[in-house]
Every structure is written in structure tokens, then in C-alpha cells.
Amino acid sequence: MDTALTKDRTNEEWLADLRAVGDVQAEAVEELRARLQRGVFYYLSRERSDLADLSNNELTQMAQDMAQDATLRVLDNLDSFRGDSQFTTWATRIAVRVAISDLRRARYKDFSLDALTTEGDLLFASNPVSGSKPPSPERSAERGDVLEKIETALQDVLTERQYQALLAVAVKNVPLEIVAEQMGTNRNALYKLVHDARRKLRTHLETQGLSTDYVMNLFQE
């Protein structure tokens, strides 16, 4: 890890130095980057059990890359710092959010909406039915009939865009920002798209005599 000496700065000094020019700014930016790298490394090595198999060198490289991105993010958002905490605490929170986002993106780097919608995985396909004992033949047949109606509704009632969004977010639990990026939209628009899809699906199923409570009880018994 970077062990460069740093000096104490007040919040005001951090802001002034990072907005300065020449050597003053360069020194402040490098000190900020080093601090953020240490903060990110701590997060990766202590807070992420899913990274336990990575070596210290691998974690250090990840921390360096993430700290670079986080430094740019902080510099772009200096005007949003309100002084409610230490500047370095605020900046480190931004760095950790960058790390979380980068790790999430890495997890879903091979995710494809097109592949998802050709797999045939529908509403309950990836969610096993709960219950402590197998259903009776009658209940099993009832569930099969309901699933068929739900699958038909997903295919016929929703638009392709609504279908993709609902399947990715509600069934596959893919983060909103990943789905939004692939769909060429933003989180707010995607949230509304999923909300509208749920509402349209629920309304259609109710016309088929399938209330939300009935469906939930059917698959939880």
C-alpha cells in the first residue's frame, strides 16, 4: 500500500488545495488518492468475504484502480460537500460506493438482456416453491395451471421492454443500474417501467381470477 506521508488539512484547506492549480493541487490530489486507496483496500480486505481468495497484491491493484476513479468522482463533486463531516470521511464514503459499484458491475459483466429473455426463465422459474412438504396432486395441478396463466400473461400482456425489465429486476435480482445501462435508460425511468409492468400484470391476472393473495398463498403452502 501507499505509505506516502500526508499532512493534516481542515475541510476548508482540502477544498482550497484541490481547487488550486499547479503543485499545490497536484500534491493535494495525490494525497487524496493515497487516502482513498487505503480506505478502499480496507473495505476490500475486511468487509468483502467474497474476495477472501484474492492475494494482497490483487487487492492492492483493485484498490489502486478504484481509488483513481474515486478521486475523479470526488473532484467532480466538490461543490456538493456540505461540511457535515470531515472531508476525508466524505470522500472515503464516495470511494467505497465506487468500489461497490465496480464489484457489482464485474459480477454482471457477462449479463445480457437478450440472453436472459431467450432462456425461458419466467416468474417462478428461479424461485423454488416454499413449503415443508410436497403438495398434493390436486395442489400441484392447480399450481401448474396458475403458472401457465402467469407465463402467458408475461409473454402476451407486457411489452418486450417491460418483460425484459421485470424479468431482470424482479426475478434475476440484477441491480437497477446494470439493467438501466443495458436498456439505455436511467434508474428512475427503469423503476417506473418495472412498476408499470407489475401493475399491468397484476391487473390482467385479477381479471383471470388470480389475486395477489391467492397466488402467494398457493405457492407458500
C-alpha atoms as a PDB file:
ATOM      1  CA  MET A   1       0.000   0.000   0.000  1.00  0.00           C
ATOM      2  CA  ASP A   2       0.959   3.624  -0.494  1.00  0.00           C
ATOM      3  CA  THR A   3       2.746   4.905   2.606  1.00  0.00           C
ATOM      4  CA  ALA A   4       3.420   8.442   1.426  1.00  0.00           C
ATOM      5  CA  LEU A   5       3.482  10.998   4.206  1.00  0.00           C
ATOM      6  CA  THR A   6       0.411  13.170   4.435  1.00  0.00           C
ATOM      7  CA  LYS A   7      -0.354  16.359   6.275  1.00  0.00           C
ATOM      8  CA  ASP A   8      -3.408  17.350   8.225  1.00  0.00           C
ATOM      9  CA  ARG A   9      -5.805  19.666   6.437  1.00  0.00           C
ATOM     10  CA  THR A  10      -9.016  21.284   7.535  1.00  0.00           C
ATOM     11  CA  ASN A  11     -12.080  20.874   5.358  1.00  0.00           C
ATOM     12  CA  GLU A  12     -11.542  24.366   4.000  1.00  0.00           C
ATOM     13  CA  GLU A  13      -7.902  23.638   3.188  1.00  0.00           C
ATOM     14  CA  TRP A  14      -8.828  20.460   1.339  1.00  0.00           C
ATOM     15  CA  LEU A  15     -11.317  22.318  -0.821  1.00  0.00           C
ATOM     16  CA  ALA A  16      -8.957  25.205  -1.469  1.00  0.00           C
ATOM     17  CA  ASP A  17      -5.982  22.995  -2.348  1.00  0.00           C
ATOM     18  CA  LEU A  18      -7.985  20.694  -4.614  1.00  0.00           C
ATOM     19  CA  ARG A  19      -9.335  23.723  -6.469  1.00  0.00           C
ATOM     20  CA  ALA A  20      -5.913  25.335  -6.748  1.00  0.00           C
ATOM     21  CA  VAL A  21      -3.528  24.993  -9.688  1.00  0.00           C
ATOM     22  CA  GLY A  22      -0.015  23.727 -10.165  1.00  0.00           C
ATOM     23  CA  ASP A  23       1.955  21.936  -7.473  1.00  0.00           C
ATOM     24  CA  VAL A  24      -0.495  22.768  -4.681  1.00  0.00           C
ATOM     25  CA  GLN A  25      -3.338  20.994  -6.431  1.00  0.00           C
ATOM     26  CA  ALA A  26      -1.148  18.109  -7.608  1.00  0.00           C
ATOM     27  CA  GLU A  27       0.050  17.435  -4.063  1.00  0.00           C
ATOM     28  CA  ALA A  28      -3.491  17.551  -2.666  1.00  0.00           C
ATOM     29  CA  VAL A  29      -4.838  15.261  -5.391  1.00  0.00           C
ATOM     30  CA  GLU A  30      -2.086  12.702  -4.812  1.00  0.00           C
ATOM     31  CA  GLU A  31      -2.642  12.774  -1.060  1.00  0.00           C
ATOM     32  CA  LEU A  32      -6.370  12.324  -1.586  1.00  0.00           C
ATOM     33  CA  ARG A  33      -5.784   9.407  -3.952  1.00  0.00           C
ATOM     34  CA  ALA A  34      -3.472   7.718  -1.425  1.00  0.00           C
ATOM     35  CA  ARG A  35      -6.011   8.151   1.378  1.00  0.00           C
ATOM     36  CA  LEU A  36      -8.802   6.765  -0.766  1.00  0.00           C
ATOM     37  CA  GLN A  37      -6.656   3.822  -1.801  1.00  0.00           C
ATOM     38  CA  ARG A  38      -6.097   2.928   1.842  1.00  0.00           C
ATOM     39  CA  GLY A  39      -9.802   3.253   2.560  1.00  0.00           C
ATOM     40  CA  VAL A  40     -10.788   1.099  -0.400  1.00  0.00           C
ATOM     41  CA  PHE A  41      -8.149  -1.510   0.427  1.00  0.00           C
ATOM     42  CA  TYR A  42      -9.520  -1.748   3.965  1.00  0.00           C
ATOM     43  CA  TYR A  43     -13.031  -2.220   2.588  1.00  0.00           C
ATOM     44  CA  LEU A  44     -11.956  -4.890   0.100  1.00  0.00           C
ATOM     45  CA  SER A  45      -9.820  -6.821   2.579  1.00  0.00           C
ATOM     46  CA  ARG A  46     -12.000  -6.546   5.700  1.00  0.00           C
ATOM     47  CA  GLU A  47     -15.583  -6.085   4.553  1.00  0.00           C
ATOM     48  CA  ARG A  48     -15.826  -8.317   1.471  1.00  0.00           C
ATOM     49  CA  SER A  49     -15.780 -12.011   2.315  1.00  0.00           C
ATOM     50  CA  ASP A  50     -16.340 -12.795  -1.376  1.00  0.00           C
ATOM     51  CA  LEU A  51     -12.818 -11.503  -2.080  1.00  0.00           C
ATOM     52  CA  ALA A  52     -11.115 -13.619   0.586  1.00  0.00           C
ATOM     53  CA  ASP A  53      -9.385 -15.801  -2.016  1.00  0.00           C
ATOM     54  CA  LEU A  54      -7.595 -12.855  -3.627  1.00  0.00           C
ATOM     55  CA  SER A  55      -3.979 -12.157  -2.765  1.00  0.00           C
ATOM     56  CA  ASN A  56      -2.785  -8.967  -1.125  1.00  0.00           C
ATOM     57  CA  ASN A  57      -1.260  -7.861  -4.438  1.00  0.00           C
ATOM     58  CA  GLU A  58      -4.540  -8.422  -6.276  1.00  0.00           C
ATOM     59  CA  LEU A  59      -6.476  -6.438  -3.690  1.00  0.00           C
ATOM     60  CA  THR A  60      -3.888  -3.668  -3.853  1.00  0.00           C
ATOM     61  CA  GLN A  61      -4.242  -3.433  -7.631  1.00  0.00           C
ATOM     62  CA  MET A  62      -8.014  -3.305  -7.329  1.00  0.00           C
ATOM     63  CA  ALA A  63      -7.755  -0.612  -4.667  1.00  0.00           C
ATOM     64  CA  GLN A  64      -5.418   1.443  -6.853  1.00  0.00           C
ATOM     65  CA  ASP A  65      -7.779   1.322  -9.833  1.00  0.00           C
ATOM     66  CA  MET A  66     -10.840   2.104  -7.744  1.00  0.00           C
ATOM     67  CA  ALA A  67      -9.058   4.936  -5.925  1.00  0.00           C
ATOM     68  CA  GLN A  68      -8.206   6.557  -9.253  1.00  0.00           C
ATOM     69  CA  ASP A  69     -11.861   6.505 -10.278  1.00  0.00           C
ATOM     70  CA  ALA A  70     -12.976   7.671  -6.845  1.00  0.00           C
ATOM     71  CA  THR A  71     -10.544  10.596  -6.878  1.00  0.00           C
ATOM     72  CA  LEU A  72     -12.033  11.844 -10.130  1.00  0.00           C
ATOM     73  CA  ARG A  73     -15.528  11.386  -8.702  1.00  0.00           C
ATOM     74  CA  VAL A  74     -14.637  13.431  -5.628  1.00  0.00           C
ATOM     75  CA  LEU A  75     -13.088  16.200  -7.715  1.00  0.00           C
ATOM     76  CA  ASP A  76     -16.226  16.360  -9.839  1.00  0.00           C
ATOM     77  CA  ASN A  77     -18.405  16.693  -6.736  1.00  0.00           C
ATOM     78  CA  LEU A  78     -16.503  19.158  -4.565  1.00  0.00           C
ATOM     79  CA  ASP A  79     -19.390  21.619  -4.738  1.00  0.00           C
ATOM     80  CA  SER A  80     -21.706  19.059  -3.132  1.00  0.00           C
ATOM     81  CA  PHE A  81     -19.605  18.764   0.035  1.00  0.00           C
ATOM     82  CA  ARG A  82     -21.609  20.446   2.802  1.00  0.00           C
ATOM     83  CA  GLY A  83     -19.122  20.167   5.645  1.00  0.00           C
ATOM     84  CA  ASP A  84     -21.293  17.919   7.832  1.00  0.00           C
ATOM     85  CA  SER A  85     -18.308  15.606   8.378  1.00  0.00           C
ATOM     86  CA  GLN A  86     -14.573  15.519   7.820  1.00  0.00           C
ATOM     87  CA  PHE A  87     -13.769  15.964   4.144  1.00  0.00           C
ATOM     88  CA  THR A  88     -11.745  12.744   4.092  1.00  0.00           C
ATOM     89  CA  THR A  89     -14.651  10.816   5.645  1.00  0.00           C
ATOM     90  CA  TRP A  90     -16.992  12.141   2.970  1.00  0.00           C
ATOM     91  CA  ALA A  91     -14.507  11.319   0.217  1.00  0.00           C
ATOM     92  CA  THR A  92     -13.931   7.805   1.553  1.00  0.00           C
ATOM     93  CA  ARG A  93     -17.667   7.126   1.502  1.00  0.00           C
ATOM     94  CA  ILE A  94     -17.662   8.074  -2.168  1.00  0.00           C
ATOM     95  CA  ALA A  95     -14.700   5.756  -2.764  1.00  0.00           C
ATOM     96  CA  VAL A  96     -16.450   2.825  -1.097  1.00  0.00           C
ATOM     97  CA  ARG A  97     -19.548   3.431  -3.213  1.00  0.00           C
ATOM     98  CA  VAL A  98     -17.327   3.386  -6.299  1.00  0.00           C
ATOM     99  CA  ALA A  99     -15.833   0.079  -5.135  1.00  0.00           C
ATOM    100  CA  ILE A 100     -19.261  -1.435  -4.533  1.00  0.00           C
ATOM    101  CA  SER A 101     -20.438  -0.304  -7.960  1.00  0.00           C
ATOM    102  CA  ASP A 102     -17.324  -1.647  -9.696  1.00  0.00           C
ATOM    103  CA  LEU A 103     -17.625  -5.017  -7.964  1.00  0.00           C
ATOM    104  CA  ARG A 104     -21.289  -5.238  -8.876  1.00  0.00           C
ATOM    105  CA  ARG A 105     -20.504  -4.448 -12.495  1.00  0.00           C
ATOM    106  CA  ALA A 106     -17.785  -7.101 -12.528  1.00  0.00           C
ATOM    107  CA  ARG A 107     -20.251  -9.652 -11.200  1.00  0.00           C
ATOM    108  CA  TYR A 108     -22.686  -8.918 -14.018  1.00  0.00           C
ATOM    109  CA  LYS A 109     -20.147  -8.253 -16.773  1.00  0.00           C
ATOM    110  CA  ASP A 110     -21.491 -11.196 -18.800  1.00  0.00           C
ATOM    111  CA  PHE A 111     -25.145 -10.347 -18.170  1.00  0.00           C
ATOM    112  CA  SER A 112     -27.212  -9.927 -21.322  1.00  0.00           C
ATOM    113  CA  LEU A 113     -30.864  -8.971 -21.556  1.00  0.00           C
ATOM    114  CA  ASP A 114     -31.132 -10.716 -24.908  1.00  0.00           C
ATOM    115  CA  ALA A 115     -29.779 -13.964 -23.478  1.00  0.00           C
ATOM    116  CA  LEU A 116     -31.983 -13.622 -20.424  1.00  0.00           C
ATOM    117  CA  THR A 117     -35.192 -13.407 -22.415  1.00  0.00           C
ATOM    118  CA  THR A 118     -34.344 -16.406 -24.570  1.00  0.00           C
ATOM    119  CA  GLU A 119     -33.723 -18.722 -21.637  1.00  0.00           C
ATOM    120  CA  GLY A 120     -37.407 -19.158 -20.891  1.00  0.00           C
ATOM    121  CA  ASP A 121     -36.973 -18.353 -17.194  1.00  0.00           C
ATOM    122  CA  LEU A 122     -40.205 -16.785 -16.070  1.00  0.00           C
ATOM    123  CA  LEU A 123     -41.704 -15.515 -12.858  1.00  0.00           C
ATOM    124  CA  PHE A 124     -41.244 -18.532 -10.614  1.00  0.00           C
ATOM    125  CA  ALA A 125     -38.645 -20.444 -12.607  1.00  0.00           C
ATOM    126  CA  SER A 126     -35.710 -19.370 -10.448  1.00  0.00           C
ATOM    127  CA  ASN A 127     -37.650 -19.208  -7.188  1.00  0.00           C
ATOM    128  CA  PRO A 128     -38.402 -22.624  -5.736  1.00  0.00           C
ATOM    129  CA  VAL A 129     -41.815 -23.074  -4.194  1.00  0.00           C
ATOM    130  CA  SER A 130     -41.671 -22.779  -0.433  1.00  0.00           C
ATOM    131  CA  GLY A 131     -43.238 -25.274   1.898  1.00  0.00           C
ATOM    132  CA  SER A 132     -42.189 -28.028   4.243  1.00  0.00           C
ATOM    133  CA  LYS A 133     -43.823 -30.904   2.351  1.00  0.00           C
ATOM    134  CA  PRO A 134     -44.630 -31.781  -1.268  1.00  0.00           C
ATOM    135  CA  PRO A 135     -48.017 -30.535  -2.487  1.00  0.00           C
ATOM    136  CA  SER A 136     -50.894 -32.896  -3.112  1.00  0.00           C
ATOM    137  CA  PRO A 137     -51.578 -33.912  -6.728  1.00  0.00           C
ATOM    138  CA  GLU A 138     -54.543 -31.525  -6.775  1.00  0.00           C
ATOM    139  CA  ARG A 139     -52.492 -28.620  -5.435  1.00  0.00           C
ATOM    140  CA  SER A 140     -49.645 -29.410  -7.822  1.00  0.00           C
ATOM    141  CA  ALA A 141     -52.050 -29.330 -10.763  1.00  0.00           C
ATOM    142  CA  GLU A 142     -53.518 -26.046  -9.508  1.00  0.00           C
ATOM    143  CA  ARG A 143     -50.069 -24.514  -9.298  1.00  0.00           C
ATOM    144  CA  GLY A 144     -49.243 -25.692 -12.796  1.00  0.00           C
ATOM    145  CA  ASP A 145     -52.393 -24.070 -14.156  1.00  0.00           C
ATOM    146  CA  VAL A 146     -51.613 -20.781 -12.411  1.00  0.00           C
ATOM    147  CA  LEU A 147     -48.006 -20.796 -13.628  1.00  0.00           C
ATOM    148  CA  GLU A 148     -49.202 -21.321 -17.180  1.00  0.00           C
ATOM    149  CA  LYS A 149     -51.510 -18.316 -16.899  1.00  0.00           C
ATOM    150  CA  ILE A 150     -48.733 -16.182 -15.425  1.00  0.00           C
ATOM    151  CA  GLU A 151     -46.285 -17.179 -18.148  1.00  0.00           C
ATOM    152  CA  THR A 152     -48.867 -16.429 -20.830  1.00  0.00           C
ATOM    153  CA  ALA A 153     -49.530 -13.033 -19.261  1.00  0.00           C
ATOM    154  CA  LEU A 154     -45.831 -12.214 -19.126  1.00  0.00           C
ATOM    155  CA  GLN A 155     -45.464 -13.003 -22.802  1.00  0.00           C
ATOM    156  CA  ASP A 156     -48.718 -11.520 -24.100  1.00  0.00           C
ATOM    157  CA  VAL A 157     -49.652  -8.628 -21.804  1.00  0.00           C
ATOM    158  CA  LEU A 158     -46.297  -6.939 -21.282  1.00  0.00           C
ATOM    159  CA  THR A 159     -44.281  -5.174 -23.930  1.00  0.00           C
ATOM    160  CA  GLU A 160     -40.898  -6.692 -24.721  1.00  0.00           C
ATOM    161  CA  ARG A 161     -39.225  -3.876 -22.814  1.00  0.00           C
ATOM    162  CA  GLN A 162     -41.455  -4.353 -19.760  1.00  0.00           C
ATOM    163  CA  TYR A 163     -40.903  -8.104 -19.923  1.00  0.00           C
ATOM    164  CA  GLN A 164     -37.122  -7.749 -20.029  1.00  0.00           C
ATOM    165  CA  ALA A 165     -37.060  -5.231 -17.193  1.00  0.00           C
ATOM    166  CA  LEU A 166     -39.384  -7.190 -14.904  1.00  0.00           C
ATOM    167  CA  LEU A 167     -37.579 -10.458 -15.521  1.00  0.00           C
ATOM    168  CA  ALA A 168     -34.137  -8.971 -14.888  1.00  0.00           C
ATOM    169  CA  VAL A 169     -35.011  -6.888 -11.824  1.00  0.00           C
ATOM    170  CA  ALA A 170     -37.756  -8.883 -10.089  1.00  0.00           C
ATOM    171  CA  VAL A 171     -36.732 -12.446 -10.946  1.00  0.00           C
ATOM    172  CA  LYS A 172     -32.986 -12.376 -11.524  1.00  0.00           C
ATOM    173  CA  ASN A 173     -32.312  -9.598  -8.986  1.00  0.00           C
ATOM    174  CA  VAL A 174     -29.939  -7.803 -11.339  1.00  0.00           C
ATOM    175  CA  PRO A 175     -29.109  -4.325  -9.944  1.00  0.00           C
ATOM    176  CA  LEU A 176     -31.125  -1.480 -11.415  1.00  0.00           C
ATOM    177  CA  GLU A 177     -28.087   0.386 -12.708  1.00  0.00           C
ATOM    178  CA  ILE A 178     -26.879  -2.654 -14.666  1.00  0.00           C
ATOM    179  CA  VAL A 179     -30.259  -3.182 -16.311  1.00  0.00           C
ATOM    180  CA  ALA A 180     -30.696   0.544 -16.930  1.00  0.00           C
ATOM    181  CA  GLU A 181     -27.322   0.731 -18.663  1.00  0.00           C
ATOM    182  CA  GLN A 182     -28.137  -2.165 -20.986  1.00  0.00           C
ATOM    183  CA  MET A 183     -31.553  -0.723 -21.768  1.00  0.00           C
ATOM    184  CA  GLY A 184     -30.147   2.727 -22.482  1.00  0.00           C
ATOM    185  CA  THR A 185     -32.145   4.425 -19.735  1.00  0.00           C
ATOM    186  CA  ASN A 186     -31.727   5.627 -16.142  1.00  0.00           C
ATOM    187  CA  ARG A 187     -32.701   4.226 -12.739  1.00  0.00           C
ATOM    188  CA  ASN A 188     -35.808   6.374 -12.332  1.00  0.00           C
ATOM    189  CA  ALA A 189     -37.181   5.515 -15.760  1.00  0.00           C
ATOM    190  CA  LEU A 190     -36.421   1.828 -15.214  1.00  0.00           C
ATOM    191  CA  TYR A 191     -38.122   1.860 -11.812  1.00  0.00           C
ATOM    192  CA  LYS A 192     -41.255   3.300 -13.427  1.00  0.00           C
ATOM    193  CA  LEU A 193     -41.066   0.727 -16.226  1.00  0.00           C
ATOM    194  CA  VAL A 194     -40.929  -2.145 -13.716  1.00  0.00           C
ATOM    195  CA  HIS A 195     -43.678  -0.578 -11.607  1.00  0.00           C
ATOM    196  CA  ASP A 196     -45.946  -0.232 -14.648  1.00  0.00           C
ATOM    197  CA  ALA A 197     -45.183  -3.809 -15.695  1.00  0.00           C
ATOM    198  CA  ARG A 198     -46.095  -5.145 -12.247  1.00  0.00           C
ATOM    199  CA  ARG A 199     -49.319  -3.145 -12.236  1.00  0.00           C
ATOM    200  CA  LYS A 200     -50.291  -4.279 -15.739  1.00  0.00           C
ATOM    201  CA  LEU A 201     -49.512  -7.902 -14.892  1.00  0.00           C
ATOM    202  CA  ARG A 202     -51.434  -7.758 -11.614  1.00  0.00           C
ATOM    203  CA  THR A 203     -54.482  -6.170 -13.268  1.00  0.00           C
ATOM    204  CA  HIS A 204     -54.540  -8.798 -16.006  1.00  0.00           C
ATOM    205  CA  LEU A 205     -54.183 -11.692 -13.574  1.00  0.00           C
ATOM    206  CA  GLU A 206     -57.019 -10.337 -11.445  1.00  0.00           C
ATOM    207  CA  THR A 207     -59.287 -10.441 -14.496  1.00  0.00           C
ATOM    208  CA  GLN A 208     -58.356 -14.127 -14.688  1.00  0.00           C
ATOM    209  CA  GLY A 209     -59.437 -14.608 -11.079  1.00  0.00           C
ATOM    210  CA  LEU A 210     -55.871 -14.683  -9.780  1.00  0.00           C
ATOM    211  CA  SER A 211     -55.467 -12.197  -6.951  1.00  0.00           C
ATOM    212  CA  THR A 212     -52.046 -11.491  -5.483  1.00  0.00           C
ATOM    213  CA  ASP A 213     -53.040 -13.031  -2.143  1.00  0.00           C
ATOM    214  CA  TYR A 214     -54.330 -16.167  -3.837  1.00  0.00           C
ATOM    215  CA  VAL A 215     -51.128 -16.669  -5.832  1.00  0.00           C
ATOM    216  CA  MET A 216     -48.878 -16.027  -2.832  1.00  0.00           C
ATOM    217  CA  ASN A 217     -50.835 -18.424  -0.632  1.00  0.00           C
ATOM    218  CA  LEU A 218     -50.913 -21.059  -3.342  1.00  0.00           C
ATOM    219  CA  PHE A 219     -47.134 -21.174  -3.644  1.00  0.00           C
ATOM    220  CA  GLN A 220     -46.315 -20.760   0.036  1.00  0.00           C
ATOM    221  CA  GLU A 221     -48.447 -23.542   1.416  1.00  0.00           C
END
